[in-house]
C-alpha atoms as a PDB file:
ATOM      1  CA  MET A   1      14.195  -7.361 -40.741  1.00  0.00           C
ATOM      2  CA  ALA A   2      15.216 -10.353 -38.642  1.00  0.00           C
ATOM      3  CA  GLU A   3      13.738 -10.778 -35.150  1.00  0.00           C
ATOM      4  CA  LEU A   4      15.592  -8.682 -32.625  1.00  0.00           C
ATOM      5  CA  GLY A   5      16.948 -10.112 -29.377  1.00  0.00           C
ATOM      6  CA  SER A   6      18.719  -8.993 -26.227  1.00  0.00           C
ATOM      7  CA  ASP A   7      22.125  -9.308 -27.896  1.00  0.00           C
ATOM      8  CA  ASP A   8      20.995  -6.867 -30.605  1.00  0.00           C
ATOM      9  CA  ARG A   9      19.797  -4.426 -27.971  1.00  0.00           C
ATOM     10  CA  ALA A  10      23.112  -4.679 -26.101  1.00  0.00           C
ATOM     11  CA  LEU A  11      25.006  -3.940 -29.331  1.00  0.00           C
ATOM     12  CA  PHE A  12      22.625  -1.071 -30.088  1.00  0.00           C
ATOM     13  CA  GLU A  13      23.086   0.480 -26.639  1.00  0.00           C
ATOM     14  CA  THR A  14      26.885   0.440 -26.953  1.00  0.00           C
ATOM     15  CA  ALA A  15      28.689   0.380 -30.304  1.00  0.00           C
ATOM     16  CA  ALA A  16      25.712   1.188 -32.554  1.00  0.00           C
ATOM     17  CA  THR A  17      24.651   4.249 -30.562  1.00  0.00           C
ATOM     18  CA  SER A  18      28.197   5.611 -30.550  1.00  0.00           C
ATOM     19  CA  LEU A  19      28.608   5.021 -34.285  1.00  0.00           C
ATOM     20  CA  TYR A  20      25.227   6.612 -35.048  1.00  0.00           C
ATOM     21  CA  GLU A  21      26.184   9.729 -33.098  1.00  0.00           C
ATOM     22  CA  ASP A  22      29.458   9.996 -35.070  1.00  0.00           C
ATOM     23  CA  ILE A  23      27.591   9.614 -38.380  1.00  0.00           C
ATOM     24  CA  VAL A  24      25.071  12.299 -37.409  1.00  0.00           C
ATOM     25  CA  ALA A  25      27.870  14.669 -36.352  1.00  0.00           C
ATOM     26  CA  SER A  26      29.827  14.179 -39.606  1.00  0.00           C
ATOM     27  CA  GLY A  27      26.807  14.222 -41.908  1.00  0.00           C
ATOM     28  CA  GLY A  28      27.234  10.635 -43.081  1.00  0.00           C
ATOM     29  CA  ILE A  29      29.699   7.779 -43.519  1.00  0.00           C
ATOM     30  CA  ASP A  30      31.481   6.669 -46.704  1.00  0.00           C
ATOM     31  CA  ARG A  31      30.999   3.097 -47.901  1.00  0.00           C
ATOM     32  CA  ASN A  32      34.790   2.633 -47.751  1.00  0.00           C
ATOM     33  CA  ASP A  33      35.217   4.086 -44.257  1.00  0.00           C
ATOM     34  CA  PRO A  34      37.916   1.996 -42.451  1.00  0.00           C
ATOM     35  CA  ARG A  35      35.658   1.532 -39.430  1.00  0.00           C
ATOM     36  CA  ILE A  36      33.225  -0.583 -41.429  1.00  0.00           C
ATOM     37  CA  ALA A  37      35.582  -2.096 -43.972  1.00  0.00           C
ATOM     38  CA  GLY A  38      36.133  -5.442 -42.270  1.00  0.00           C
ATOM     39  CA  PRO A  39      34.854  -7.657 -39.449  1.00  0.00           C
ATOM     40  CA  SER A  40      34.735  -5.595 -36.270  1.00  0.00           C
ATOM     41  CA  SER A  41      32.334  -4.446 -33.555  1.00  0.00           C
ATOM     42  CA  GLU A  42      31.766  -1.261 -35.518  1.00  0.00           C
ATOM     43  CA  ARG A  43      30.928  -3.259 -38.656  1.00  0.00           C
ATOM     44  CA  ALA A  44      28.377  -5.276 -36.670  1.00  0.00           C
ATOM     45  CA  ALA A  45      27.000  -2.010 -35.299  1.00  0.00           C
ATOM     46  CA  PHE A  46      26.821  -0.541 -38.819  1.00  0.00           C
ATOM     47  CA  ASP A  47      24.931  -3.589 -40.116  1.00  0.00           C
ATOM     48  CA  LEU A  48      22.484  -3.312 -37.195  1.00  0.00           C
ATOM     49  CA  LEU A  49      21.847   0.381 -37.974  1.00  0.00           C
ATOM     50  CA  ILE A  50      21.147  -0.565 -41.588  1.00  0.00           C
ATOM     51  CA  ASP A  51      18.852  -3.393 -40.486  1.00  0.00           C
ATOM     52  CA  LEU A  52      16.939  -1.054 -38.156  1.00  0.00           C
ATOM     53  CA  GLY A  53      16.547   1.548 -40.886  1.00  0.00           C
ATOM     54  CA  LEU A  54      18.532   4.183 -39.034  1.00  0.00           C
ATOM     55  CA  LEU A  55      20.921   4.574 -41.992  1.00  0.00           C
ATOM     56  CA  THR A  56      19.996   4.886 -45.635  1.00  0.00           C
ATOM     57  CA  PRO A  57      22.252   4.885 -48.739  1.00  0.00           C
ATOM     58  CA  GLU A  58      22.864   8.056 -50.673  1.00  0.00           C
ATOM     59  CA  PRO A  59      23.869   6.597 -54.075  1.00  0.00           C
ATOM     60  CA  ALA A  60      24.983   9.863 -55.625  1.00  0.00           C
ATOM     61  CA  GLU A  61      27.522  10.419 -52.878  1.00  0.00           C
ATOM     62  CA  ASP A  62      28.433   6.688 -52.373  1.00  0.00           C
ATOM     63  CA  ARG A  63      27.764   7.017 -48.663  1.00  0.00           C
ATOM     64  CA  TYR A  64      25.170   6.430 -45.938  1.00  0.00           C
ATOM     65  CA  ILE A  65      23.306   9.121 -44.053  1.00  0.00           C
ATOM     66  CA  ALA A  66      21.391   8.978 -40.769  1.00  0.00           C
ATOM     67  CA  ILE A  67      17.595   8.840 -40.469  1.00  0.00           C
ATOM     68  CA  ASP A  68      15.568  10.601 -37.748  1.00  0.00           C
ATOM     69  CA  PRO A  69      15.247   7.918 -34.982  1.00  0.00           C
ATOM     70  CA  SER A  70      11.729   9.076 -34.027  1.00  0.00           C
ATOM     71  CA  THR A  71      10.476   7.767 -37.391  1.00  0.00           C
ATOM     72  CA  VAL A  72      12.042   4.363 -36.709  1.00  0.00           C
ATOM     73  CA  GLN A  73      11.310   3.889 -33.001  1.00  0.00           C
ATOM     74  CA  SER A  74       7.587   3.144 -33.272  1.00  0.00           C
ATOM     75  CA  ARG A  75       8.226   0.561 -35.993  1.00  0.00           C
ATOM     76  CA  ILE A  76      10.663  -1.282 -33.692  1.00  0.00           C
ATOM     77  CA  VAL A  77       9.038  -0.776 -30.300  1.00  0.00           C
ATOM     78  CA  ALA A  78       5.331  -1.129 -31.135  1.00  0.00           C
ATOM     79  CA  PRO A  79       5.511  -4.822 -32.158  1.00  0.00           C
ATOM     80  CA  LEU A  80       7.481  -5.609 -28.993  1.00  0.00           C
ATOM     81  CA  SER A  81       4.876  -3.825 -26.851  1.00  0.00           C
ATOM     82  CA  GLN A  82       2.080  -5.683 -28.597  1.00  0.00           C
ATOM     83  CA  GLU A  83       3.851  -8.993 -28.039  1.00  0.00           C
ATOM     84  CA  GLY A  84       4.436  -8.095 -24.388  1.00  0.00           C
ATOM     85  CA  ALA A  85       0.745  -7.304 -23.920  1.00  0.00           C
ATOM     86  CA  ARG A  86      -0.173 -10.566 -25.582  1.00  0.00           C
ATOM     87  CA  LEU A  87       2.139 -12.527 -23.306  1.00  0.00           C
ATOM     88  CA  LEU A  88       0.729 -10.759 -20.222  1.00  0.00           C
ATOM     89  CA  ASP A  89      -2.806 -11.649 -21.277  1.00  0.00           C
ATOM     90  CA  GLU A  90      -1.757 -15.226 -21.914  1.00  0.00           C
ATOM     91  CA  SER A  91       0.008 -15.515 -18.552  1.00  0.00           C
ATOM     92  CA  SER A  92      -3.066 -14.102 -16.806  1.00  0.00           C
ATOM     93  CA  SER A  93      -5.268 -16.634 -18.576  1.00  0.00           C
ATOM     94  CA  TRP A  94      -2.970 -19.470 -17.521  1.00  0.00           C
ATOM     95  CA  ALA A  95      -2.964 -18.215 -13.925  1.00  0.00           C
ATOM     96  CA  ASN A  96      -6.767 -18.165 -13.924  1.00  0.00           C
ATOM     97  CA  ALA A  97      -6.833 -21.657 -15.407  1.00  0.00           C
ATOM     98  CA  PHE A  98      -4.638 -22.955 -12.586  1.00  0.00           C
ATOM     99  CA  GLY A  99      -6.724 -21.184  -9.917  1.00  0.00           C
ATOM    100  CA  PRO A 100      -9.349 -23.913  -9.383  1.00  0.00           C
ATOM    101  CA  LEU A 101      -6.641 -26.590  -9.219  1.00  0.00           C
ATOM    102  CA  ALA A 102      -4.628 -24.685  -6.604  1.00  0.00           C
ATOM    103  CA  GLN A 103      -7.740 -24.034  -4.531  1.00  0.00           C
ATOM    104  CA  ALA A 104      -8.785 -27.675  -4.638  1.00  0.00           C
ATOM    105  CA  TRP A 105      -5.286 -28.802  -3.660  1.00  0.00           C
ATOM    106  CA  ARG A 106      -5.060 -26.397  -0.677  1.00  0.00           C
ATOM    107  CA  ARG A 107      -8.502 -27.308   0.629  1.00  0.00           C
ATOM    108  CA  ALA A 108      -7.942 -31.053   0.413  1.00  0.00           C
ATOM    109  CA  PRO A 109      -7.271 -32.675   3.817  1.00  0.00           C
ATOM    110  CA  ASP A 110      -4.337 -34.695   2.479  1.00  0.00           C
ATOM    111  CA  THR A 111      -2.460 -32.270   0.282  1.00  0.00           C
ATOM    112  CA  SER A 112       0.883 -33.988   0.727  1.00  0.00           C
ATOM    113  CA  SER A 113       2.421 -37.255   1.762  1.00  0.00           C
ATOM    114  CA  SER A 114       2.546 -35.819   5.276  1.00  0.00           C
ATOM    115  CA  GLY A 115      -1.277 -35.894   5.520  1.00  0.00           C
ATOM    116  CA  PRO A 116      -2.655 -32.815   7.284  1.00  0.00           C
ATOM    117  CA  PHE A 117       0.738 -31.072   7.176  1.00  0.00           C
ATOM    118  CA  THR A 118       2.384 -29.535   4.103  1.00  0.00           C
ATOM    119  CA  ILE A 119       6.123 -28.806   4.289  1.00  0.00           C
ATOM    120  CA  LEU A 120       7.190 -25.648   2.456  1.00  0.00           C
ATOM    121  CA  HIS A 121      10.782 -24.631   1.735  1.00  0.00           C
ATOM    122  CA  THR A 122      12.389 -21.226   1.017  1.00  0.00           C
ATOM    123  CA  SER A 123      11.047 -19.802  -2.274  1.00  0.00           C
ATOM    124  CA  ALA A 124       7.830 -21.860  -2.082  1.00  0.00           C
ATOM    125  CA  ILE A 125       6.679 -20.183   1.142  1.00  0.00           C
ATOM    126  CA  ALA A 126       5.771 -16.695  -0.120  1.00  0.00           C
ATOM    127  CA  PRO A 127       3.771 -17.844  -3.192  1.00  0.00           C
ATOM    128  CA  TYR A 128       1.869 -20.367  -1.060  1.00  0.00           C
ATOM    129  CA  ILE A 129       0.931 -17.698   1.499  1.00  0.00           C
ATOM    130  CA  ALA A 130       0.014 -15.249  -1.280  1.00  0.00           C
ATOM    131  CA  GLY A 131      -2.324 -17.867  -2.742  1.00  0.00           C
ATOM    132  CA  LEU A 132      -4.004 -18.461   0.613  1.00  0.00           C
ATOM    133  CA  VAL A 133      -4.476 -14.737   1.206  1.00  0.00           C
ATOM    134  CA  ALA A 134      -5.932 -14.320  -2.277  1.00  0.00           C
ATOM    135  CA  GLU A 135      -8.495 -17.036  -1.439  1.00  0.00           C
ATOM    136  CA  CYS A 136      -9.286 -15.740   2.076  1.00  0.00           C
ATOM    137  CA  GLU A 137     -13.050 -15.352   2.406  1.00  0.00           C
ATOM    138  CA  GLU A 138     -13.665 -14.266   5.992  1.00  0.00           C
ATOM    139  CA  GLU A 139     -10.717 -13.744   8.329  1.00  0.00           C
ATOM    140  CA  MET A 140      -6.926 -13.694   8.564  1.00  0.00           C
ATOM    141  CA  LEU A 141      -5.051 -13.828  11.883  1.00  0.00           C
ATOM    142  CA  THR A 142      -1.326 -13.098  11.916  1.00  0.00           C
ATOM    143  CA  ALA A 143       1.371 -13.025  14.589  1.00  0.00           C
ATOM    144  CA  GLN A 144       4.679 -11.340  13.722  1.00  0.00           C
ATOM    145  CA  PRO A 145       7.096 -11.605  16.663  1.00  0.00           C
ATOM    146  CA  GLN A 146       9.825  -9.347  15.316  1.00  0.00           C
ATOM    147  CA  ALA A 147       9.602  -5.879  13.790  1.00  0.00           C
ATOM    148  CA  GLY A 148      12.787  -5.999  11.688  1.00  0.00           C
ATOM    149  CA  ARG A 149      11.147  -7.129   8.463  1.00  0.00           C
ATOM    150  CA  ASP A 150      12.529  -6.451   5.014  1.00  0.00           C
ATOM    151  CA  PRO A 151      10.979  -3.213   3.603  1.00  0.00           C
ATOM    152  CA  ASP A 152      10.321  -4.766   0.181  1.00  0.00           C
ATOM    153  CA  THR A 153       8.668  -7.794   1.795  1.00  0.00           C
ATOM    154  CA  LEU A 154       6.512  -5.580   3.991  1.00  0.00           C
ATOM    155  CA  GLU A 155       5.521  -3.389   1.039  1.00  0.00           C
ATOM    156  CA  ALA A 156       4.455  -6.470  -0.924  1.00  0.00           C
ATOM    157  CA  ALA A 157       2.530  -7.719   2.123  1.00  0.00           C
ATOM    158  CA  ALA A 158       0.750  -4.365   2.402  1.00  0.00           C
ATOM    159  CA  LYS A 159      -0.477  -4.586  -1.199  1.00  0.00           C
ATOM    160  CA  ARG A 160      -1.521  -8.212  -0.752  1.00  0.00           C
ATOM    161  CA  ASP A 161      -3.303  -7.651   2.564  1.00  0.00           C
ATOM    162  CA  THR A 162      -5.064  -4.421   1.587  1.00  0.00           C
ATOM    163  CA  ALA A 163      -6.421  -6.138  -1.521  1.00  0.00           C
ATOM    164  CA  MET A 164      -7.786  -8.879   0.735  1.00  0.00           C
ATOM    165  CA  LEU A 165      -9.345  -6.370   3.136  1.00  0.00           C
ATOM    166  CA  GLU A 166     -10.991  -4.516   0.264  1.00  0.00           C
ATOM    167  CA  ARG A 167     -12.860  -7.725  -0.544  1.00  0.00           C
ATOM    168  CA  GLY A 168     -14.598  -7.412   2.840  1.00  0.00           C
ATOM    169  CA  THR A 169     -12.538  -9.809   4.963  1.00  0.00           C
ATOM    170  CA  THR A 170     -11.347  -9.075   8.505  1.00  0.00           C
ATOM    171  CA  MET A 171      -7.766  -9.129   9.769  1.00  0.00           C
ATOM    172  CA  ARG A 172      -6.106  -9.060  13.184  1.00  0.00           C
ATOM    173  CA  THR A 173      -2.342  -8.824  13.656  1.00  0.00           C
ATOM    174  CA  LEU A 174      -0.137  -9.142  16.753  1.00  0.00           C
ATOM    175  CA  TYR A 175       3.327  -7.584  17.031  1.00  0.00           C
ATOM    176  CA  GLN A 176       5.704  -7.197  19.930  1.00  0.00           C
ATOM    177  CA  HIS A 177       5.919  -3.773  21.574  1.00  0.00           C
ATOM    178  CA  SER A 178       9.243  -3.186  19.796  1.00  0.00           C
ATOM    179  CA  ALA A 179       7.358  -2.896  16.482  1.00  0.00           C
ATOM    180  CA  ARG A 180       6.162   0.531  17.617  1.00  0.00           C
ATOM    181  CA  ARG A 181       9.667   1.880  16.941  1.00  0.00           C
ATOM    182  CA  SER A 182       9.767   0.633  13.335  1.00  0.00           C
ATOM    183  CA  ALA A 183       8.917   3.235  10.665  1.00  0.00           C
ATOM    184  CA  ILE A 184       8.220   0.601   7.984  1.00  0.00           C
ATOM    185  CA  THR A 185       5.931  -1.285  10.345  1.00  0.00           C
ATOM    186  CA  HIS A 186       4.049   1.953  11.063  1.00  0.00           C
ATOM    187  CA  ALA A 187       3.544   2.444   7.309  1.00  0.00           C
ATOM    188  CA  TYR A 188       2.224  -1.105   6.921  1.00  0.00           C
ATOM    189  CA  VAL A 189      -0.106  -0.753   9.916  1.00  0.00           C
ATOM    190  CA  ALA A 190      -1.443   2.562   8.595  1.00  0.00           C
ATOM    191  CA  ALA A 191      -2.235   0.940   5.235  1.00  0.00           C
ATOM    192  CA  VAL A 192      -4.124  -2.051   6.655  1.00  0.00           C
ATOM    193  CA  THR A 193      -5.900  -0.300   9.525  1.00  0.00           C
ATOM    194  CA  ALA A 194      -7.229   2.277   7.079  1.00  0.00           C
ATOM    195  CA  ARG A 195      -9.130  -0.622   5.538  1.00  0.00           C
ATOM    196  CA  GLY A 196     -10.449  -2.043   8.786  1.00  0.00           C
ATOM    197  CA  ALA A 197      -7.653  -4.272  10.112  1.00  0.00           C
ATOM    198  CA  GLU A 198      -6.890  -4.364  13.846  1.00  0.00           C
ATOM    199  CA  VAL A 199      -3.319  -4.410  15.181  1.00  0.00           C
ATOM    200  CA  ARG A 200      -2.122  -4.907  18.762  1.00  0.00           C
ATOM    201  CA  THR A 201       1.236  -5.386  20.480  1.00  0.00           C
ATOM    202  CA  LEU A 202       2.500  -7.569  23.335  1.00  0.00           C
ATOM    203  CA  ASP A 203       5.597  -7.511  25.529  1.00  0.00           C
ATOM    204  CA  GLU A 204       6.188 -11.249  25.369  1.00  0.00           C
ATOM    205  CA  PHE A 205       7.727 -13.462  22.719  1.00  0.00           C
ATOM    206  CA  PHE A 206       5.516 -15.618  20.516  1.00  0.00           C
ATOM    207  CA  ASN A 207       6.030 -17.608  17.346  1.00  0.00           C
ATOM    208  CA  ARG A 208       5.223 -16.420  13.842  1.00  0.00           C
ATOM    209  CA  MET A 209       1.828 -17.626  12.596  1.00  0.00           C
ATOM    210  CA  ILE A 210      -0.806 -16.969   9.923  1.00  0.00           C
ATOM    211  CA  VAL A 211      -4.300 -18.467  10.066  1.00  0.00           C
ATOM    212  CA  ILE A 212      -6.650 -18.247   7.078  1.00  0.00           C
ATOM    213  CA  ASP A 213     -10.422 -18.664   7.602  1.00  0.00           C
ATOM    214  CA  ARG A 214      -9.640 -20.887  10.613  1.00  0.00           C
ATOM    215  CA  ARG A 215      -9.046 -23.770   8.198  1.00  0.00           C
ATOM    216  CA  VAL A 216      -5.291 -23.605   7.573  1.00  0.00           C
ATOM    217  CA  ALA A 217      -2.417 -22.243   9.674  1.00  0.00           C
ATOM    218  CA  ILE A 218       1.151 -21.454   8.569  1.00  0.00           C
ATOM    219  CA  ILE A 219       3.804 -21.852  11.271  1.00  0.00           C
ATOM    220  CA  PRO A 220       7.637 -21.959  11.167  1.00  0.00           C
ATOM    221  CA  GLY A 221       9.206 -25.327  10.479  1.00  0.00           C
ATOM    222  CA  LYS A 222      12.203 -24.361  12.612  1.00  0.00           C
ATOM    223  CA  GLN A 223      12.122 -21.676  15.269  1.00  0.00           C
ATOM    224  CA  GLU A 224      15.636 -20.442  14.556  1.00  0.00           C
ATOM    225  CA  ASP A 225      15.144 -19.645  10.856  1.00  0.00           C
ATOM    226  CA  LEU A 226      12.510 -18.799   8.258  1.00  0.00           C
ATOM    227  CA  LEU A 227      13.655 -21.260   5.598  1.00  0.00           C
ATOM    228  CA  THR A 228      10.951 -23.837   6.287  1.00  0.00           C
ATOM    229  CA  ALA A 229       7.251 -23.454   7.007  1.00  0.00           C
ATOM    230  CA  ILE A 230       4.472 -25.906   7.749  1.00  0.00           C
ATOM    231  CA  ALA A 231       0.918 -25.523   6.516  1.00  0.00           C
ATOM    232  CA  VAL A 232      -1.416 -27.142   9.050  1.00  0.00           C
ATOM    233  CA  HIS A 233      -4.772 -28.419   7.742  1.00  0.00           C
ATOM    234  CA  GLU A 234      -5.804 -30.540  10.719  1.00  0.00           C
ATOM    235  CA  PRO A 235      -8.908 -28.790  12.195  1.00  0.00           C
ATOM    236  CA  SER A 236      -8.143 -29.638  15.827  1.00  0.00           C
ATOM    237  CA  VAL A 237      -4.610 -28.247  15.584  1.00  0.00           C
ATOM    238  CA  VAL A 238      -5.817 -25.124  13.774  1.00  0.00           C
ATOM    239  CA  ASP A 239      -8.458 -24.589  16.480  1.00  0.00           C
ATOM    240  CA  TYR A 240      -5.765 -24.909  19.163  1.00  0.00           C
ATOM    241  CA  LEU A 241      -3.563 -22.323  17.423  1.00  0.00           C
ATOM    242  CA  VAL A 242      -6.518 -19.953  17.078  1.00  0.00           C
ATOM    243  CA  ASP A 243      -7.179 -20.303  20.830  1.00  0.00           C
ATOM    244  CA  VAL A 244      -3.538 -19.440  21.563  1.00  0.00           C
ATOM    245  CA  PHE A 245      -3.873 -16.382  19.333  1.00  0.00           C
ATOM    246  CA  GLU A 246      -7.134 -15.268  20.977  1.00  0.00           C
ATOM    247  CA  ARG A 247      -5.611 -15.456  24.474  1.00  0.00           C
ATOM    248  CA  ALA A 248      -2.638 -13.374  23.360  1.00  0.00           C
ATOM    249  CA  TRP A 249      -4.939 -10.945  21.545  1.00  0.00           C
ATOM    250  CA  GLU A 250      -6.885 -10.249  24.731  1.00  0.00           C
ATOM    251  CA  ARG A 251      -3.652  -9.178  26.461  1.00  0.00           C
ATOM    252  CA  GLY A 252      -2.487  -7.010  23.558  1.00  0.00           C
ATOM    253  CA  ARG A 253      -2.529  -3.225  23.446  1.00  0.00           C
ATOM    254  CA  PRO A 254      -3.908  -1.329  20.406  1.00  0.00           C
ATOM    255  CA  PHE A 255      -1.089  -0.266  18.081  1.00  0.00           C
ATOM    256  CA  ALA A 256      -2.779   3.047  17.261  1.00  0.00           C
ATOM    257  CA  ASN A 257      -3.120   4.054  20.930  1.00  0.00           C
ATOM    258  CA  ARG A 258      -0.444   6.665  21.675  1.00  0.00           C
ATOM    259  CA  GLU A 259      -1.761   7.867  25.029  1.00  0.00           C
ATOM    260  CA  THR A 260       0.923   8.665  27.609  1.00  0.00           C
ATOM    261  CA  GLY A 261      -0.540   6.263  30.158  1.00  0.00           C
ATOM    262  CA  MET A 262      -0.491   3.329  27.777  1.00  0.00           C
ATOM    263  CA  LEU A 263       3.028   4.083  26.539  1.00  0.00           C
ATOM    264  CA  LYS A 264       4.171   4.167  30.181  1.00  0.00           C
ATOM    265  CA  ASP A 265       2.542   0.767  30.741  1.00  0.00           C
ATOM    266  CA  ILE A 266       4.374  -0.610  27.693  1.00  0.00           C
ATOM    267  CA  ALA A 267       7.691   0.678  29.056  1.00  0.00           C
ATOM    268  CA  VAL A 268       6.944  -1.082  32.369  1.00  0.00           C
ATOM    269  CA  GLU A 269       6.089  -4.319  30.545  1.00  0.00           C
ATOM    270  CA  GLN A 270       9.343  -4.269  28.562  1.00  0.00           C
ATOM    271  CA  ARG A 271      11.305  -3.510  31.725  1.00  0.00           C
ATOM    272  CA  GLU A 272       9.708  -6.457  33.524  1.00  0.00           C
ATOM    273  CA  MET A 273      10.356  -8.724  30.537  1.00  0.00           C
ATOM    274  CA  THR A 274      14.041  -7.716  30.645  1.00  0.00           C
ATOM    275  CA  ILE A 275      14.175  -8.559  34.350  1.00  0.00           C
ATOM    276  CA  ARG A 276      12.647 -11.986  33.709  1.00  0.00           C
ATOM    277  CA  MET A 277      15.207 -12.673  30.976  1.00  0.00           C
ATOM    278  CA  LEU A 278      18.039 -11.795  33.385  1.00  0.00           C
ATOM    279  CA  ILE A 279      16.620 -13.904  36.221  1.00  0.00           C
ATOM    280  CA  GLU A 280      16.118 -16.888  33.902  1.00  0.00           C
ATOM    281  CA  GLY A 281      19.744 -16.594  32.747  1.00  0.00           C
ATOM    282  CA  HIS A 282      19.208 -16.312  29.000  1.00  0.00           C
ATOM    283  CA  ALA A 283      22.058 -15.216  26.751  1.00  0.00           C
ATOM    284  CA  ASP A 284      21.783 -11.693  25.381  1.00  0.00           C
ATOM    285  CA  PRO A 285      20.957 -12.753  21.774  1.00  0.00           C
ATOM    286  CA  VAL A 286      18.169 -15.021  23.044  1.00  0.00           C
ATOM    287  CA  SER A 287      16.807 -12.313  25.365  1.00  0.00           C
ATOM    288  CA  ALA A 288      16.942  -9.706  22.596  1.00  0.00           C
ATOM    289  CA  LYS A 289      15.023 -12.000  20.246  1.00  0.00           C
ATOM    290  CA  ARG A 290      12.367 -12.672  22.855  1.00  0.00           C
ATOM    291  CA  LEU A 291      11.904  -8.941  23.341  1.00  0.00           C
ATOM    292  CA  GLY A 292      11.941  -8.348  19.587  1.00  0.00           C
ATOM    293  CA  VAL A 293      14.855  -5.904  19.765  1.00  0.00           C
ATOM    294  CA  SER A 294      18.491  -5.838  18.668  1.00  0.00           C
ATOM    295  CA  PRO A 295      21.197  -7.131  21.071  1.00  0.00           C
ATOM    296  CA  ARG A 296      22.454  -3.540  21.331  1.00  0.00           C
ATOM    297  CA  THR A 297      19.036  -2.273  22.422  1.00  0.00           C
ATOM    298  CA  TYR A 298      18.728  -5.109  24.926  1.00  0.00           C
ATOM    299  CA  ALA A 299      22.152  -4.227  26.362  1.00  0.00           C
ATOM    300  CA  GLY A 300      20.812  -0.689  26.819  1.00  0.00           C
ATOM    301  CA  TYR A 301      17.858  -2.060  28.800  1.00  0.00           C
ATOM    302  CA  VAL A 302      20.252  -3.947  31.081  1.00  0.00           C
ATOM    303  CA  ALA A 303      22.413  -0.836  31.521  1.00  0.00           C
ATOM    304  CA  ASP A 304      19.306   1.114  32.570  1.00  0.00           C
ATOM    305  CA  LEU A 305      18.525  -1.527  35.197  1.00  0.00           C
ATOM    306  CA  LYS A 306      22.092  -1.377  36.536  1.00  0.00           C
ATOM    307  CA  GLN A 307      21.747   2.360  36.923  1.00  0.00           C
ATOM    308  CA  GLU A 308      18.295   2.036  38.508  1.00  0.00           C
ATOM    309  CA  TYR A 309      19.515  -0.471  41.120  1.00  0.00           C
ATOM    310  CA  GLU A 310      22.974   1.167  41.493  1.00  0.00           C
ATOM    311  CA  ALA A 311      24.738  -2.043  40.430  1.00  0.00           C
ATOM    312  CA  GLU A 312      28.174  -2.219  38.805  1.00  0.00           C
ATOM    313  CA  THR A 313      27.882  -5.736  37.368  1.00  0.00           C
ATOM    314  CA  ARG A 314      25.125  -8.116  36.297  1.00  0.00           C
ATOM    315  CA  PHE A 315      25.962 -10.352  39.232  1.00  0.00           C
ATOM    316  CA  GLN A 316      25.486  -7.440  41.613  1.00  0.00           C
ATOM    317  CA  LEU A 317      22.277  -6.478  39.777  1.00  0.00           C
ATOM    318  CA  GLY A 318      20.897  -9.990  40.232  1.00  0.00           C
ATOM    319  CA  TYR A 319      21.844  -9.964  43.900  1.00  0.00           C
ATOM    320  CA  VAL A 320      20.156  -6.601  44.572  1.00  0.00           C
ATOM    321  CA  MET A 321      16.994  -7.632  42.728  1.00  0.00           C
ATOM    322  CA  GLY A 322      16.949 -10.899  44.682  1.00  0.00           C
ATOM    323  CA  GLN A 323      17.314  -9.022  47.981  1.00  0.00           C
ATOM    324  CA  ARG A 324      14.343  -6.840  47.062  1.00  0.00           C
ATOM    325  CA  GLY A 325      12.217  -9.732  45.903  1.00  0.00           C
ATOM    326  CA  VAL A 326      12.052  -8.498  42.294  1.00  0.00           C
ATOM    327  CA  SER A 327      10.702 -11.132  39.894  1.00  0.00           C
ATOM    328  CA  GLY A 328       9.748  -9.127  36.811  1.00  0.00           C
ATOM    329  CA  ARG A 329       6.076  -9.894  37.355  1.00  0.00           C
ATOM    330  CA  GLU A 330       5.124  -6.934  39.548  1.00  0.00           C
ATOM    331  CA  ARG A 331       2.968  -5.270  36.899  1.00  0.00           C
ATOM    332  CA  GLY A 332       2.316  -1.639  37.728  1.00  0.00           C
ATOM    333  CA  THR A 333       4.582  -1.407  40.827  1.00  0.00           C
ATOM    334  CA  ASP A 334       7.858   0.453  41.318  1.00  0.00           C
ATOM    335  CA  ASP A 335      10.489  -2.181  42.015  1.00  0.00           C
ATOM    336  CA  SER A 336      13.307   0.241  42.385  1.00  0.00           C
ATOM    337  CA  THR A 337      12.233   1.258  45.854  1.00  0.00           C
ATOM    338  CA  ASP A 338      11.656  -0.887  48.891  1.00  0.00           C
END
């Protein structure tokens, strides 16, 4: 039997299957049956059934009869499974062979023509990060400013990060407060914290960042999109980014803490952040991004402030807040009364 390919399988799944069912139902097919007399899709399907051994001649009756497919399946499928297993083993061996080269390249101080900075584009970003996480020996720090991440991406990250944590590394992650309303983020946090990771949230906007073993940091190449990333190998720059992370971490609130008092504090922080965005005159899309929420949710925050200060328009809201000396930095005070 000739080697089977995807075209054979496509023919088998369509014309050959239909023809086989007809032959089974009628008890066989004559050699002179019009369906297989000349070049046609059914003739090609008939020849494939013969080649697979699903039809056998019955010389006395000058016809072909069907064979039980369960007796044929293992003969067809088993070699393909064995070849698939062989290819998987071979691909794994090649991946292991490349491992030392990739590690040496990432650890080198001048891994690209840009010296201590490696520029990554689109599809190269995820594999590069996955490689760094797989090599992480001690600690990973991550900052994720927005909660609206793709579920498939977050699921893959959960598998990658839990595998890293199970090797005995540590991990700390910062989100914005808005991440607390994301079901997929909750699932990810539950998976990593169960293995020892720590997660906190902040009210303020910060840039996306990953730091591996305090030796390399991944930051966005452009703030407005995620199509370019920069891997930073320069120790002084990495140390600076770690310091920025540590300062933000100290202000963060534990993700797992659901106490009423803390949730009230978070609501106050988001309210004050909204006020600061209004006072600074940012456009709604910019303000929403900085709060890590959708423009619709941000508009709801503004509507709540209008109601709180009994204002009909944003101009009137700004005027009333100015009259009362509201700045959005009165942490823990009630600005609605004077």
